[in-house]
PDB file of N, CA and C in Angstrom:
ATOM      1  N   MET A   1      27.601  30.736  84.394  1.00  0.00           N
ATOM      2  CA  MET A   1      27.857  30.520  82.987  1.00  0.00           C
ATOM      3  C   MET A   1      27.001  29.345  82.511  1.00  0.00           C
ATOM      4  N   PRO A   2      26.232  29.532  81.467  1.00  0.00           N
ATOM      5  CA  PRO A   2      25.403  28.430  80.952  1.00  0.00           C
ATOM      6  C   PRO A   2      26.265  27.317  80.348  1.00  0.00           C
ATOM      7  N   LYS A   3      25.764  26.121  80.448  1.00  0.00           N
ATOM      8  CA  LYS A   3      26.422  24.936  79.876  1.00  0.00           C
ATOM      9  C   LYS A   3      25.408  24.189  79.025  1.00  0.00           C
ATOM     10  N   LEU A   4      25.892  23.582  77.974  1.00  0.00           N
ATOM     11  CA  LEU A   4      25.085  22.671  77.173  1.00  0.00           C
ATOM     12  C   LEU A   4      25.713  21.296  77.350  1.00  0.00           C
ATOM     13  N   MET A   5      24.925  20.364  77.851  1.00  0.00           N
ATOM     14  CA  MET A   5      25.404  18.993  78.053  1.00  0.00           C
ATOM     15  C   MET A   5      24.767  18.104  77.006  1.00  0.00           C
ATOM     16  N   MET A   6      25.604  17.348  76.325  1.00  0.00           N
ATOM     17  CA  MET A   6      25.141  16.409  75.295  1.00  0.00           C
ATOM     18  C   MET A   6      25.481  14.996  75.745  1.00  0.00           C
ATOM     19  N   PHE A   7      24.516  14.108  75.642  1.00  0.00           N
ATOM     20  CA  PHE A   7      24.696  12.702  75.966  1.00  0.00           C
ATOM     21  C   PHE A   7      24.418  11.942  74.675  1.00  0.00           C
ATOM     22  N   MET A   8      25.473  11.479  74.034  1.00  0.00           N
ATOM     23  CA  MET A   8      25.350  10.881  72.702  1.00  0.00           C
ATOM     24  C   MET A   8      25.462   9.361  72.767  1.00  0.00           C
ATOM     25  N   LYS A   9      24.602   8.722  71.998  1.00  0.00           N
ATOM     26  CA  LYS A   9      24.614   7.270  71.854  1.00  0.00           C
ATOM     27  C   LYS A   9      24.865   6.962  70.380  1.00  0.00           C
ATOM     28  N   ARG A  10      25.738   6.004  70.131  1.00  0.00           N
ATOM     29  CA  ARG A  10      26.014   5.657  68.728  1.00  0.00           C
ATOM     30  C   ARG A  10      24.855   4.865  68.142  1.00  0.00           C
ATOM     31  N   LYS A  11      24.709   4.986  66.848  1.00  0.00           N
ATOM     32  CA  LYS A  11      23.631   4.261  66.195  1.00  0.00           C
ATOM     33  C   LYS A  11      23.970   2.772  66.154  1.00  0.00           C
ATOM     34  N   PRO A  12      22.956   1.936  66.191  1.00  0.00           N
ATOM     35  CA  PRO A  12      23.211   0.496  66.157  1.00  0.00           C
ATOM     36  C   PRO A  12      23.977   0.108  64.891  1.00  0.00           C
ATOM     37  N   GLY A  13      24.885  -0.845  65.072  1.00  0.00           N
ATOM     38  CA  GLY A  13      25.602  -1.385  63.923  1.00  0.00           C
ATOM     39  C   GLY A  13      26.936  -0.739  63.626  1.00  0.00           C
ATOM     40  N   ILE A  14      27.307   0.328  64.349  1.00  0.00           N
ATOM     41  CA  ILE A  14      28.630   0.900  64.110  1.00  0.00           C
ATOM     42  C   ILE A  14      29.483   0.721  65.357  1.00  0.00           C
ATOM     43  N   SER A  15      30.769   0.616  65.149  1.00  0.00           N
ATOM     44  CA  SER A  15      31.681   0.413  66.267  1.00  0.00           C
ATOM     45  C   SER A  15      31.870   1.716  67.041  1.00  0.00           C
ATOM     46  N   PHE A  16      32.327   1.566  68.274  1.00  0.00           N
ATOM     47  CA  PHE A  16      32.634   2.751  69.078  1.00  0.00           C
ATOM     48  C   PHE A  16      33.714   3.585  68.389  1.00  0.00           C
ATOM     49  N   GLU A  17      34.707   2.933  67.792  1.00  0.00           N
ATOM     50  CA  GLU A  17      35.796   3.659  67.130  1.00  0.00           C
ATOM     51  C   GLU A  17      35.282   4.485  65.959  1.00  0.00           C
ATOM     52  N   THR A  18      34.363   3.906  65.183  1.00  0.00           N
ATOM     53  CA  THR A  18      33.768   4.642  64.056  1.00  0.00           C
ATOM     54  C   THR A  18      32.949   5.820  64.565  1.00  0.00           C
ATOM     55  N   PHE A  19      32.168   5.584  65.623  1.00  0.00           N
ATOM     56  CA  PHE A  19      31.371   6.659  66.242  1.00  0.00           C
ATOM     57  C   PHE A  19      32.280   7.802  66.682  1.00  0.00           C
ATOM     58  N   ARG A  20      33.297   7.465  67.454  1.00  0.00           N
ATOM     59  CA  ARG A  20      34.176   8.503  68.000  1.00  0.00           C
ATOM     60  C   ARG A  20      34.899   9.265  66.895  1.00  0.00           C
ATOM     61  N   ARG A  21      35.414   8.557  65.907  1.00  0.00           N
ATOM     62  CA  ARG A  21      36.128   9.205  64.804  1.00  0.00           C
ATOM     63  C   ARG A  21      35.207  10.184  64.066  1.00  0.00           C
ATOM     64  N   HIS A  22      33.980   9.748  63.775  1.00  0.00           N
ATOM     65  CA  HIS A  22      33.057  10.631  63.063  1.00  0.00           C
ATOM     66  C   HIS A  22      32.698  11.844  63.930  1.00  0.00           C
ATOM     67  N   TYR A  23      32.436  11.596  65.207  1.00  0.00           N
ATOM     68  CA  TYR A  23      32.086  12.697  66.113  1.00  0.00           C
ATOM     69  C   TYR A  23      33.211  13.723  66.175  1.00  0.00           C
ATOM     70  N   GLU A  24      34.445  13.256  66.348  1.00  0.00           N
ATOM     71  CA  GLU A  24      35.598  14.149  66.487  1.00  0.00           C
ATOM     72  C   GLU A  24      35.979  14.842  65.171  1.00  0.00           C
ATOM     73  N   GLU A  25      35.983  14.094  64.085  1.00  0.00           N
ATOM     74  CA  GLU A  25      36.549  14.601  62.832  1.00  0.00           C
ATOM     75  C   GLU A  25      35.536  15.258  61.897  1.00  0.00           C
ATOM     76  N   VAL A  26      34.257  14.934  62.072  1.00  0.00           N
ATOM     77  CA  VAL A  26      33.236  15.471  61.167  1.00  0.00           C
ATOM     78  C   VAL A  26      32.204  16.312  61.919  1.00  0.00           C
ATOM     79  N   HIS A  27      31.564  15.707  62.906  1.00  0.00           N
ATOM     80  CA  HIS A  27      30.429  16.376  63.549  1.00  0.00           C
ATOM     81  C   HIS A  27      30.845  17.606  64.355  1.00  0.00           C
ATOM     82  N   ILE A  28      31.860  17.457  65.192  1.00  0.00           N
ATOM     83  CA  ILE A  28      32.283  18.604  66.013  1.00  0.00           C
ATOM     84  C   ILE A  28      32.705  19.786  65.133  1.00  0.00           C
ATOM     85  N   PRO A  29      33.528  19.589  64.095  1.00  0.00           N
ATOM     86  CA  PRO A  29      33.845  20.726  63.228  1.00  0.00           C
ATOM     87  C   PRO A  29      32.623  21.324  62.525  1.00  0.00           C
ATOM     88  N   LEU A  30      31.678  20.465  62.144  1.00  0.00           N
ATOM     89  CA  LEU A  30      30.449  20.966  61.511  1.00  0.00           C
ATOM     90  C   LEU A  30      29.703  21.907  62.449  1.00  0.00           C
ATOM     91  N   VAL A  31      29.470  21.448  63.666  1.00  0.00           N
ATOM     92  CA  VAL A  31      28.728  22.262  64.639  1.00  0.00           C
ATOM     93  C   VAL A  31      29.533  23.499  65.032  1.00  0.00           C
ATOM     94  N   ALA A  32      30.848  23.351  65.192  1.00  0.00           N
ATOM     95  CA  ALA A  32      31.694  24.487  65.568  1.00  0.00           C
ATOM     96  C   ALA A  32      31.626  25.613  64.542  1.00  0.00           C
ATOM     97  N   GLY A  33      31.455  25.256  63.287  1.00  0.00           N
ATOM     98  CA  GLY A  33      31.329  26.271  62.252  1.00  0.00           C
ATOM     99  C   GLY A  33      30.121  27.168  62.447  1.00  0.00           C
ATOM    100  N   TRP A  34      29.112  26.644  63.100  1.00  0.00           N
ATOM    101  CA  TRP A  34      27.890  27.403  63.353  1.00  0.00           C
ATOM    102  C   TRP A  34      27.910  28.103  64.712  1.00  0.00           C
ATOM    103  N   VAL A  35      28.375  27.417  65.757  1.00  0.00           N
ATOM    104  CA  VAL A  35      28.217  27.944  67.124  1.00  0.00           C
ATOM    105  C   VAL A  35      29.522  28.014  67.922  1.00  0.00           C
ATOM    106  N   GLY A  36      30.638  27.643  67.329  1.00  0.00           N
ATOM    107  CA  GLY A  36      31.897  27.640  68.058  1.00  0.00           C
ATOM    108  C   GLY A  36      32.275  28.981  68.662  1.00  0.00           C
ATOM    109  N   HIS A  37      31.910  30.066  68.009  1.00  0.00           N
ATOM    110  CA  HIS A  37      32.257  31.403  68.500  1.00  0.00           C
ATOM    111  C   HIS A  37      31.524  31.762  69.787  1.00  0.00           C
ATOM    112  N   LEU A  38      30.527  30.973  70.150  1.00  0.00           N
ATOM    113  CA  LEU A  38      29.730  31.247  71.356  1.00  0.00           C
ATOM    114  C   LEU A  38      30.253  30.505  72.585  1.00  0.00           C
ATOM    115  N   MET A  39      31.233  29.640  72.380  1.00  0.00           N
ATOM    116  CA  MET A  39      31.736  28.776  73.449  1.00  0.00           C
ATOM    117  C   MET A  39      33.055  29.293  74.015  1.00  0.00           C
ATOM    118  N   THR A  40      33.243  29.052  75.315  1.00  0.00           N
ATOM    119  CA  THR A  40      34.531  29.373  75.946  1.00  0.00           C
ATOM    120  C   THR A  40      35.317  28.106  76.252  1.00  0.00           C
ATOM    121  N   ASP A  41      34.649  26.956  76.247  1.00  0.00           N
ATOM    122  CA  ASP A  41      35.310  25.703  76.567  1.00  0.00           C
ATOM    123  C   ASP A  41      34.454  24.562  76.028  1.00  0.00           C
ATOM    124  N   PHE A  42      35.111  23.474  75.686  1.00  0.00           N
ATOM    125  CA  PHE A  42      34.394  22.290  75.189  1.00  0.00           C
ATOM    126  C   PHE A  42      35.139  21.057  75.646  1.00  0.00           C
ATOM    127  N   LYS A  43      34.468  20.249  76.461  1.00  0.00           N
ATOM    128  CA  LYS A  43      35.068  19.008  76.952  1.00  0.00           C
ATOM    129  C   LYS A  43      34.169  17.854  76.552  1.00  0.00           C
ATOM    130  N   ARG A  44      34.805  16.714  76.295  1.00  0.00           N
ATOM    131  CA  ARG A  44      34.019  15.530  76.006  1.00  0.00           C
ATOM    132  C   ARG A  44      34.669  14.329  76.679  1.00  0.00           C
ATOM    133  N   TYR A  45      33.799  13.419  77.030  1.00  0.00           N
ATOM    134  CA  TYR A  45      34.206  12.224  77.758  1.00  0.00           C
ATOM    135  C   TYR A  45      33.620  11.015  77.042  1.00  0.00           C
ATOM    136  N   TYR A  46      34.375   9.937  77.039  1.00  0.00           N
ATOM    137  CA  TYR A  46      33.948   8.703  76.385  1.00  0.00           C
ATOM    138  C   TYR A  46      33.953   7.585  77.426  1.00  0.00           C
ATOM    139  N   PRO A  47      32.874   7.482  78.204  1.00  0.00           N
ATOM    140  CA  PRO A  47      32.858   6.485  79.278  1.00  0.00           C
ATOM    141  C   PRO A  47      32.906   5.063  78.745  1.00  0.00           C
ATOM    142  N   ALA A  48      33.756   4.251  79.345  1.00  0.00           N
ATOM    143  CA  ALA A  48      33.877   2.847  78.934  1.00  0.00           C
ATOM    144  C   ALA A  48      32.690   2.043  79.454  1.00  0.00           C
ATOM    145  N   HIS A  49      32.208   2.385  80.625  1.00  0.00           N
ATOM    146  CA  HIS A  49      31.048   1.717  81.210  1.00  0.00           C
ATOM    147  C   HIS A  49      30.549   2.574  82.364  1.00  0.00           C
ATOM    148  N   PHE A  50      29.346   2.306  82.793  1.00  0.00           N
ATOM    149  CA  PHE A  50      28.786   3.007  83.929  1.00  0.00           C
ATOM    150  C   PHE A  50      28.873   2.118  85.147  1.00  0.00           C
ATOM    151  N   THR A  51      29.180   2.705  86.279  1.00  0.00           N
ATOM    152  CA  THR A  51      29.375   1.960  87.509  1.00  0.00           C
ATOM    153  C   THR A  51      28.181   2.157  88.422  1.00  0.00           C
ATOM    154  N   ASN A  52      27.727   1.072  89.007  1.00  0.00           N
ATOM    155  CA  ASN A  52      26.660   1.130  89.983  1.00  0.00           C
ATOM    156  C   ASN A  52      27.308   1.421  91.335  1.00  0.00           C
ATOM    157  N   LEU A  53      27.165   2.638  91.837  1.00  0.00           N
ATOM    158  CA  LEU A  53      27.815   3.028  93.086  1.00  0.00           C
ATOM    159  C   LEU A  53      27.107   2.482  94.321  1.00  0.00           C
ATOM    160  N   PHE A  54      25.997   1.752  94.147  1.00  0.00           N
ATOM    161  CA  PHE A  54      25.296   1.140  95.263  1.00  0.00           C
ATOM    162  C   PHE A  54      25.966  -0.156  95.723  1.00  0.00           C
ATOM    163  N   VAL A  55      26.774  -0.768  94.860  1.00  0.00           N
ATOM    164  CA  VAL A  55      27.351  -2.075  95.168  1.00  0.00           C
ATOM    165  C   VAL A  55      28.148  -2.004  96.469  1.00  0.00           C
ATOM    166  N   GLY A  56      27.834  -2.937  97.376  1.00  0.00           N
ATOM    167  CA  GLY A  56      28.540  -3.013  98.649  1.00  0.00           C
ATOM    168  C   GLY A  56      27.988  -2.103  99.736  1.00  0.00           C
ATOM    169  N   ARG A  57      26.984  -1.295  99.419  1.00  0.00           N
ATOM    170  CA  ARG A  57      26.409  -0.410 100.428  1.00  0.00           C
ATOM    171  C   ARG A  57      25.220  -1.077 101.091  1.00  0.00           C
ATOM    172  N   GLU A  58      24.828  -0.560 102.258  1.00  0.00           N
ATOM    173  CA  GLU A  58      23.659  -1.098 102.954  1.00  0.00           C
ATOM    174  C   GLU A  58      22.397  -1.002 102.108  1.00  0.00           C
ATOM    175  N   ASP A  59      22.273   0.058 101.316  1.00  0.00           N
ATOM    176  CA  ASP A  59      21.082   0.276 100.499  1.00  0.00           C
ATOM    177  C   ASP A  59      21.225  -0.317  99.094  1.00  0.00           C
ATOM    178  N   GLU A  60      22.099  -1.293  98.922  1.00  0.00           N
ATOM    179  CA  GLU A  60      22.348  -1.903  97.613  1.00  0.00           C
ATOM    180  C   GLU A  60      21.064  -2.419  96.975  1.00  0.00           C
ATOM    181  N   SER A  61      20.130  -2.907  97.776  1.00  0.00           N
ATOM    182  CA  SER A  61      18.882  -3.454  97.224  1.00  0.00           C
ATOM    183  C   SER A  61      18.029  -2.387  96.550  1.00  0.00           C
ATOM    184  N   GLU A  62      18.297  -1.114  96.820  1.00  0.00           N
ATOM    185  CA  GLU A  62      17.541  -0.024  96.212  1.00  0.00           C
ATOM    186  C   GLU A  62      18.121   0.420  94.868  1.00  0.00           C
ATOM    187  N   ALA A  63      19.255  -0.161  94.484  1.00  0.00           N
ATOM    188  CA  ALA A  63      19.904   0.213  93.224  1.00  0.00           C
ATOM    189  C   ALA A  63      19.026  -0.183  92.051  1.00  0.00           C
ATOM    190  N   PRO A  64      19.089   0.577  90.966  1.00  0.00           N
ATOM    191  CA  PRO A  64      18.343   0.183  89.768  1.00  0.00           C
ATOM    192  C   PRO A  64      18.788  -1.201  89.288  1.00  0.00           C
ATOM    193  N   VAL A  65      17.826  -1.977  88.793  1.00  0.00           N
ATOM    194  CA  VAL A  65      18.145  -3.307  88.279  1.00  0.00           C
ATOM    195  C   VAL A  65      19.010  -3.196  87.036  1.00  0.00           C
ATOM    196  N   ASN A  66      18.735  -2.186  86.212  1.00  0.00           N
ATOM    197  CA  ASN A  66      19.566  -1.921  85.045  1.00  0.00           C
ATOM    198  C   ASN A  66      19.652  -0.415  84.869  1.00  0.00           C
ATOM    199  N   ASP A  67      20.344   0.022  83.866  1.00  0.00           N
ATOM    200  CA  ASP A  67      20.547   1.460  83.680  1.00  0.00           C
ATOM    201  C   ASP A  67      19.400   2.144  82.947  1.00  0.00           C
ATOM    202  N   GLY A  68      18.348   1.408  82.633  1.00  0.00           N
ATOM    203  CA  GLY A  68      17.203   2.003  81.938  1.00  0.00           C
ATOM    204  C   GLY A  68      17.543   2.515  80.563  1.00  0.00           C
ATOM    205  N   GLY A  69      18.606   1.999  79.966  1.00  0.00           N
ATOM    206  CA  GLY A  69      18.991   2.447  78.634  1.00  0.00           C
ATOM    207  C   GLY A  69      19.897   3.656  78.652  1.00  0.00           C
ATOM    208  N   VAL A  70      20.318   4.083  79.828  1.00  0.00           N
ATOM    209  CA  VAL A  70      21.183   5.252  79.938  1.00  0.00           C
ATOM    210  C   VAL A  70      22.628   4.771  79.846  1.00  0.00           C
ATOM    211  N   ASP A  71      23.070   4.580  78.642  1.00  0.00           N
ATOM    212  CA  ASP A  71      24.405   4.064  78.386  1.00  0.00           C
ATOM    213  C   ASP A  71      24.959   4.846  77.207  1.00  0.00           C
ATOM    214  N   TYR A  72      25.635   5.941  77.495  1.00  0.00           N
ATOM    215  CA  TYR A  72      26.059   6.858  76.440  1.00  0.00           C
ATOM    216  C   TYR A  72      27.482   6.586  75.997  1.00  0.00           C
ATOM    217  N   ASP A  73      27.753   6.852  74.743  1.00  0.00           N
ATOM    218  CA  ASP A  73      29.086   6.668  74.183  1.00  0.00           C
ATOM    219  C   ASP A  73      29.927   7.933  74.265  1.00  0.00           C
ATOM    220  N   ALA A  74      29.276   9.086  74.421  1.00  0.00           N
ATOM    221  CA  ALA A  74      29.997  10.355  74.588  1.00  0.00           C
ATOM    222  C   ALA A  74      29.163  11.284  75.443  1.00  0.00           C
ATOM    223  N   VAL A  75      29.830  11.957  76.347  1.00  0.00           N
ATOM    224  CA  VAL A  75      29.206  13.009  77.154  1.00  0.00           C
ATOM    225  C   VAL A  75      30.029  14.256  76.881  1.00  0.00           C
ATOM    226  N   SER A  76      29.371  15.283  76.359  1.00  0.00           N
ATOM    227  CA  SER A  76      30.076  16.518  75.983  1.00  0.00           C
ATOM    228  C   SER A  76      29.500  17.677  76.778  1.00  0.00           C
ATOM    229  N   ILE A  77      30.387  18.577  77.203  1.00  0.00           N
ATOM    230  CA  ILE A  77      29.960  19.753  77.957  1.00  0.00           C
ATOM    231  C   ILE A  77      30.524  20.988  77.269  1.00  0.00           C
ATOM    232  N   TYR A  78      29.616  21.819  76.802  1.00  0.00           N
ATOM    233  CA  TYR A  78      29.963  23.059  76.145  1.00  0.00           C
ATOM    234  C   TYR A  78      29.759  24.201  77.143  1.00  0.00           C
ATOM    235  N   SER A  79      30.777  24.997  77.383  1.00  0.00           N
ATOM    236  CA  SER A  79      30.641  26.191  78.224  1.00  0.00           C
ATOM    237  C   SER A  79      30.295  27.351  77.307  1.00  0.00           C
ATOM    238  N   ILE A  80      29.138  27.935  77.554  1.00  0.00           N
ATOM    239  CA  ILE A  80      28.636  29.012  76.701  1.00  0.00           C
ATOM    240  C   ILE A  80      29.046  30.348  77.328  1.00  0.00           C
ATOM    241  N   ARG A  81      29.525  31.244  76.506  1.00  0.00           N
ATOM    242  CA  ARG A  81      30.130  32.503  76.950  1.00  0.00           C
ATOM    243  C   ARG A  81      29.284  33.256  77.977  1.00  0.00           C
ATOM    244  N   ASP A  82      28.010  33.463  77.701  1.00  0.00           N
ATOM    245  CA  ASP A  82      27.139  34.207  78.604  1.00  0.00           C
ATOM    246  C   ASP A  82      25.696  34.021  78.147  1.00  0.00           C
ATOM    247  N   ASP A  83      24.761  34.673  78.811  1.00  0.00           N
ATOM    248  CA  ASP A  83      23.346  34.500  78.465  1.00  0.00           C
ATOM    249  C   ASP A  83      23.023  35.013  77.069  1.00  0.00           C
ATOM    250  N   ALA A  84      23.694  36.064  76.629  1.00  0.00           N
ATOM    251  CA  ALA A  84      23.465  36.566  75.271  1.00  0.00           C
ATOM    252  C   ALA A  84      23.926  35.525  74.249  1.00  0.00           C
ATOM    253  N   ALA A  85      25.039  34.863  74.535  1.00  0.00           N
ATOM    254  CA  ALA A  85      25.524  33.807  73.634  1.00  0.00           C
ATOM    255  C   ALA A  85      24.558  32.621  73.639  1.00  0.00           C
ATOM    256  N   LEU A  86      23.970  32.316  74.793  1.00  0.00           N
ATOM    257  CA  LEU A  86      22.973  31.242  74.854  1.00  0.00           C
ATOM    258  C   LEU A  86      21.770  31.586  73.994  1.00  0.00           C
ATOM    259  N   ASP A  87      21.317  32.825  74.065  1.00  0.00           N
ATOM    260  CA  ASP A  87      20.192  33.260  73.226  1.00  0.00           C
ATOM    261  C   ASP A  87      20.529  33.106  71.743  1.00  0.00           C
ATOM    262  N   GLU A  88      21.747  33.481  71.373  1.00  0.00           N
ATOM    263  CA  GLU A  88      22.168  33.332  69.976  1.00  0.00           C
ATOM    264  C   GLU A  88      22.249  31.863  69.587  1.00  0.00           C
ATOM    265  N   LEU A  89      22.763  31.033  70.484  1.00  0.00           N
ATOM    266  CA  LEU A  89      22.842  29.594  70.236  1.00  0.00           C
ATOM    267  C   LEU A  89      21.454  29.017  69.978  1.00  0.00           C
ATOM    268  N   LEU A  90      20.480  29.391  70.783  1.00  0.00           N
ATOM    269  CA  LEU A  90      19.123  28.880  70.605  1.00  0.00           C
ATOM    270  C   LEU A  90      18.516  29.371  69.295  1.00  0.00           C
ATOM    271  N   GLN A  91      18.847  30.589  68.917  1.00  0.00           N
ATOM    272  CA  GLN A  91      18.374  31.115  67.634  1.00  0.00           C
ATOM    273  C   GLN A  91      18.987  30.324  66.476  1.00  0.00           C
ATOM    274  N   ILE A  92      20.278  30.057  66.541  1.00  0.00           N
ATOM    275  CA  ILE A  92      20.942  29.277  65.491  1.00  0.00           C
ATOM    276  C   ILE A  92      20.360  27.866  65.449  1.00  0.00           C
ATOM    277  N   ALA A  93      20.105  27.283  66.622  1.00  0.00           N
ATOM    278  CA  ALA A  93      19.564  25.922  66.690  1.00  0.00           C
ATOM    279  C   ALA A  93      18.192  25.803  66.042  1.00  0.00           C
ATOM    280  N   SER A  94      17.475  26.915  65.937  1.00  0.00           N
ATOM    281  CA  SER A  94      16.164  26.880  65.292  1.00  0.00           C
ATOM    282  C   SER A  94      16.235  27.199  63.789  1.00  0.00           C
ATOM    283  N   ASN A  95      17.425  27.486  63.290  1.00  0.00           N
ATOM    284  CA  ASN A  95      17.621  27.764  61.876  1.00  0.00           C
ATOM    285  C   ASN A  95      17.452  26.459  61.085  1.00  0.00           C
ATOM    286  N   PRO A  96      16.555  26.408  60.112  1.00  0.00           N
ATOM    287  CA  PRO A  96      16.335  25.171  59.351  1.00  0.00           C
ATOM    288  C   PRO A  96      17.593  24.628  58.662  1.00  0.00           C
ATOM    289  N   GLU A  97      18.489  25.504  58.206  1.00  0.00           N
ATOM    290  CA  GLU A  97      19.723  25.034  57.569  1.00  0.00           C
ATOM    291  C   GLU A  97      20.613  24.319  58.584  1.00  0.00           C
ATOM    292  N   PHE A  98      20.736  24.890  59.774  1.00  0.00           N
ATOM    293  CA  PHE A  98      21.533  24.253  60.829  1.00  0.00           C
ATOM    294  C   PHE A  98      20.915  22.916  61.219  1.00  0.00           C
ATOM    295  N   THR A  99      19.632  22.921  61.459  1.00  0.00           N
ATOM    296  CA  THR A  99      18.927  21.695  61.857  1.00  0.00           C
ATOM    297  C   THR A  99      19.096  20.605  60.813  1.00  0.00           C
ATOM    298  N   ARG A 100      18.942  20.959  59.554  1.00  0.00           N
ATOM    299  CA  ARG A 100      19.084  19.990  58.465  1.00  0.00           C
ATOM    300  C   ARG A 100      20.510  19.431  58.422  1.00  0.00           C
ATOM    301  N   ALA A 101      21.511  20.298  58.499  1.00  0.00           N
ATOM    302  CA  ALA A 101      22.911  19.853  58.433  1.00  0.00           C
ATOM    303  C   ALA A 101      23.248  18.925  59.601  1.00  0.00           C
ATOM    304  N   VAL A 102      22.829  19.295  60.798  1.00  0.00           N
ATOM    305  CA  VAL A 102      23.131  18.483  61.980  1.00  0.00           C
ATOM    306  C   VAL A 102      22.377  17.158  61.924  1.00  0.00           C
ATOM    307  N   THR A 103      21.116  17.204  61.572  1.00  0.00           N
ATOM    308  CA  THR A 103      20.309  15.984  61.507  1.00  0.00           C
ATOM    309  C   THR A 103      20.858  15.004  60.466  1.00  0.00           C
ATOM    310  N   LEU A 104      21.207  15.506  59.293  1.00  0.00           N
ATOM    311  CA  LEU A 104      21.759  14.632  58.256  1.00  0.00           C
ATOM    312  C   LEU A 104      23.071  14.007  58.697  1.00  0.00           C
ATOM    313  N   ASP A 105      23.917  14.795  59.361  1.00  0.00           N
ATOM    314  CA  ASP A 105      25.190  14.245  59.802  1.00  0.00           C
ATOM    315  C   ASP A 105      24.994  13.246  60.947  1.00  0.00           C
ATOM    316  N   GLU A 106      24.147  13.547  61.888  1.00  0.00           N
ATOM    317  CA  GLU A 106      23.923  12.630  63.004  1.00  0.00           C
ATOM    318  C   GLU A 106      23.399  11.285  62.528  1.00  0.00           C
ATOM    319  N   ALA A 107      22.691  11.257  61.419  1.00  0.00           N
ATOM    320  CA  ALA A 107      22.200   9.985  60.872  1.00  0.00           C
ATOM    321  C   ALA A 107      23.344   9.042  60.514  1.00  0.00           C
ATOM    322  N   ASN A 108      24.559   9.586  60.339  1.00  0.00           N
ATOM    323  CA  ASN A 108      25.720   8.774  59.991  1.00  0.00           C
ATOM    324  C   ASN A 108      26.342   8.038  61.170  1.00  0.00           C
ATOM    325  N   PHE A 109      26.081   8.521  62.395  1.00  0.00           N
ATOM    326  CA  PHE A 109      26.811   7.932  63.522  1.00  0.00           C
ATOM    327  C   PHE A 109      26.039   7.880  64.841  1.00  0.00           C
ATOM    328  N   ALA A 110      24.986   8.657  65.003  1.00  0.00           N
ATOM    329  CA  ALA A 110      24.331   8.784  66.304  1.00  0.00           C
ATOM    330  C   ALA A 110      22.920   8.200  66.300  1.00  0.00           C
ATOM    331  N   ASP A 111      22.538   7.685  67.443  1.00  0.00           N
ATOM    332  CA  ASP A 111      21.159   7.249  67.679  1.00  0.00           C
ATOM    333  C   ASP A 111      20.438   8.444  68.296  1.00  0.00           C
ATOM    334  N   ARG A 112      19.794   9.236  67.454  1.00  0.00           N
ATOM    335  CA  ARG A 112      19.154  10.472  67.910  1.00  0.00           C
ATOM    336  C   ARG A 112      18.072  10.206  68.948  1.00  0.00           C
ATOM    337  N   GLY A 113      17.364   9.104  68.820  1.00  0.00           N
ATOM    338  CA  GLY A 113      16.298   8.791  69.774  1.00  0.00           C
ATOM    339  C   GLY A 113      16.800   8.466  71.159  1.00  0.00           C
ATOM    340  N   ALA A 114      18.037   7.981  71.256  1.00  0.00           N
ATOM    341  CA  ALA A 114      18.615   7.620  72.550  1.00  0.00           C
ATOM    342  C   ALA A 114      19.534   8.713  73.099  1.00  0.00           C
ATOM    343  N   SER A 115      19.829   9.715  72.303  1.00  0.00           N
ATOM    344  CA  SER A 115      20.712  10.797  72.748  1.00  0.00           C
ATOM    345  C   SER A 115      19.896  11.884  73.422  1.00  0.00           C
ATOM    346  N   ARG A 116      20.544  12.630  74.301  1.00  0.00           N
ATOM    347  CA  ARG A 116      19.855  13.677  75.067  1.00  0.00           C
ATOM    348  C   ARG A 116      20.740  14.909  75.143  1.00  0.00           C
ATOM    349  N   GLN A 117      20.094  16.051  75.399  1.00  0.00           N
ATOM    350  CA  GLN A 117      20.831  17.283  75.629  1.00  0.00           C
ATOM    351  C   GLN A 117      20.109  18.099  76.687  1.00  0.00           C
ATOM    352  N   SER A 118      20.869  18.933  77.379  1.00  0.00           N
ATOM    353  CA  SER A 118      20.289  19.745  78.437  1.00  0.00           C
ATOM    354  C   SER A 118      21.075  21.034  78.565  1.00  0.00           C
ATOM    355  N   ILE A 119      20.379  22.132  78.745  1.00  0.00           N
ATOM    356  CA  ILE A 119      21.026  23.400  79.064  1.00  0.00           C
ATOM    357  C   ILE A 119      20.930  23.547  80.580  1.00  0.00           C
ATOM    358  N   THR A 120      22.059  23.879  81.179  1.00  0.00           N
ATOM    359  CA  THR A 120      22.116  23.926  82.635  1.00  0.00           C
ATOM    360  C   THR A 120      23.081  25.019  83.081  1.00  0.00           C
ATOM    361  N   GLU A 121      23.108  25.278  84.364  1.00  0.00           N
ATOM    362  CA  GLU A 121      24.058  26.203  84.965  1.00  0.00           C
ATOM    363  C   GLU A 121      25.009  25.401  85.832  1.00  0.00           C
ATOM    364  N   GLU A 122      26.253  25.788  85.845  1.00  0.00           N
ATOM    365  CA  GLU A 122      27.238  25.115  86.693  1.00  0.00           C
ATOM    366  C   GLU A 122      27.040  25.578  88.132  1.00  0.00           C
ATOM    367  N   ALA A 123      27.010  24.640  89.056  1.00  0.00           N
ATOM    368  CA  ALA A 123      26.938  24.959  90.479  1.00  0.00           C
ATOM    369  C   ALA A 123      28.337  24.836  91.070  1.00  0.00           C
ATOM    370  N   VAL A 124      28.820  25.890  91.657  1.00  0.00           N
ATOM    371  CA  VAL A 124      30.150  25.910  92.238  1.00  0.00           C
ATOM    372  C   VAL A 124      30.019  26.220  93.709  1.00  0.00           C
ATOM    373  N   GLY A 125      30.734  25.495  94.524  1.00  0.00           N
ATOM    374  CA  GLY A 125      30.697  25.749  95.957  1.00  0.00           C
ATOM    375  C   GLY A 125      31.276  24.588  96.715  1.00  0.00           C
ATOM    376  N   PRO A 126      31.101  24.603  98.039  1.00  0.00           N
ATOM    377  CA  PRO A 126      31.652  23.521  98.853  1.00  0.00           C
ATOM    378  C   PRO A 126      31.099  22.178  98.430  1.00  0.00           C
ATOM    379  N   GLY A 127      31.905  21.192  98.529  1.00  0.00           N
ATOM    380  CA  GLY A 127      31.490  19.849  98.138  1.00  0.00           C
ATOM    381  C   GLY A 127      32.507  18.849  98.598  1.00  0.00           C
ATOM    382  N   LEU A 128      32.845  17.931  97.739  1.00  0.00           N
ATOM    383  CA  LEU A 128      33.779  16.878  98.102  1.00  0.00           C
ATOM    384  C   LEU A 128      35.216  17.376  98.191  1.00  0.00           C
ATOM    385  N   ILE A 129      35.501  18.451  97.507  1.00  0.00           N
ATOM    386  CA  ILE A 129      36.888  18.920  97.471  1.00  0.00           C
ATOM    387  C   ILE A 129      36.998  20.218  98.259  1.00  0.00           C
TER     388      ILE A 129
END
């Protein structure tokens, strides 16, 4: 099942609370009106901070000195129904009306230059659990 992962950064000068409220109450409903019918699940996470998992390990000296600017205020994962729905999503994403509406709204709360998105496939199998 295809997934769309969004890594959102708030625009400078607004509080995390303002960012989250706008994302939840305005932006998500706006986007859902266009592509919500293509999704089977939508999860979002609001990390308080990122943890350096190298701390205390033998290879701690190999840890990044800083996060390289990778400090997101929201991580969202959209589960897309199937490949046909992904094709439709990409078609909608290229619609100038959709692009204009999303871009104008993101200017209210998001740092578009620091935000990222990726289409990926979920890998399921043996692991930690």
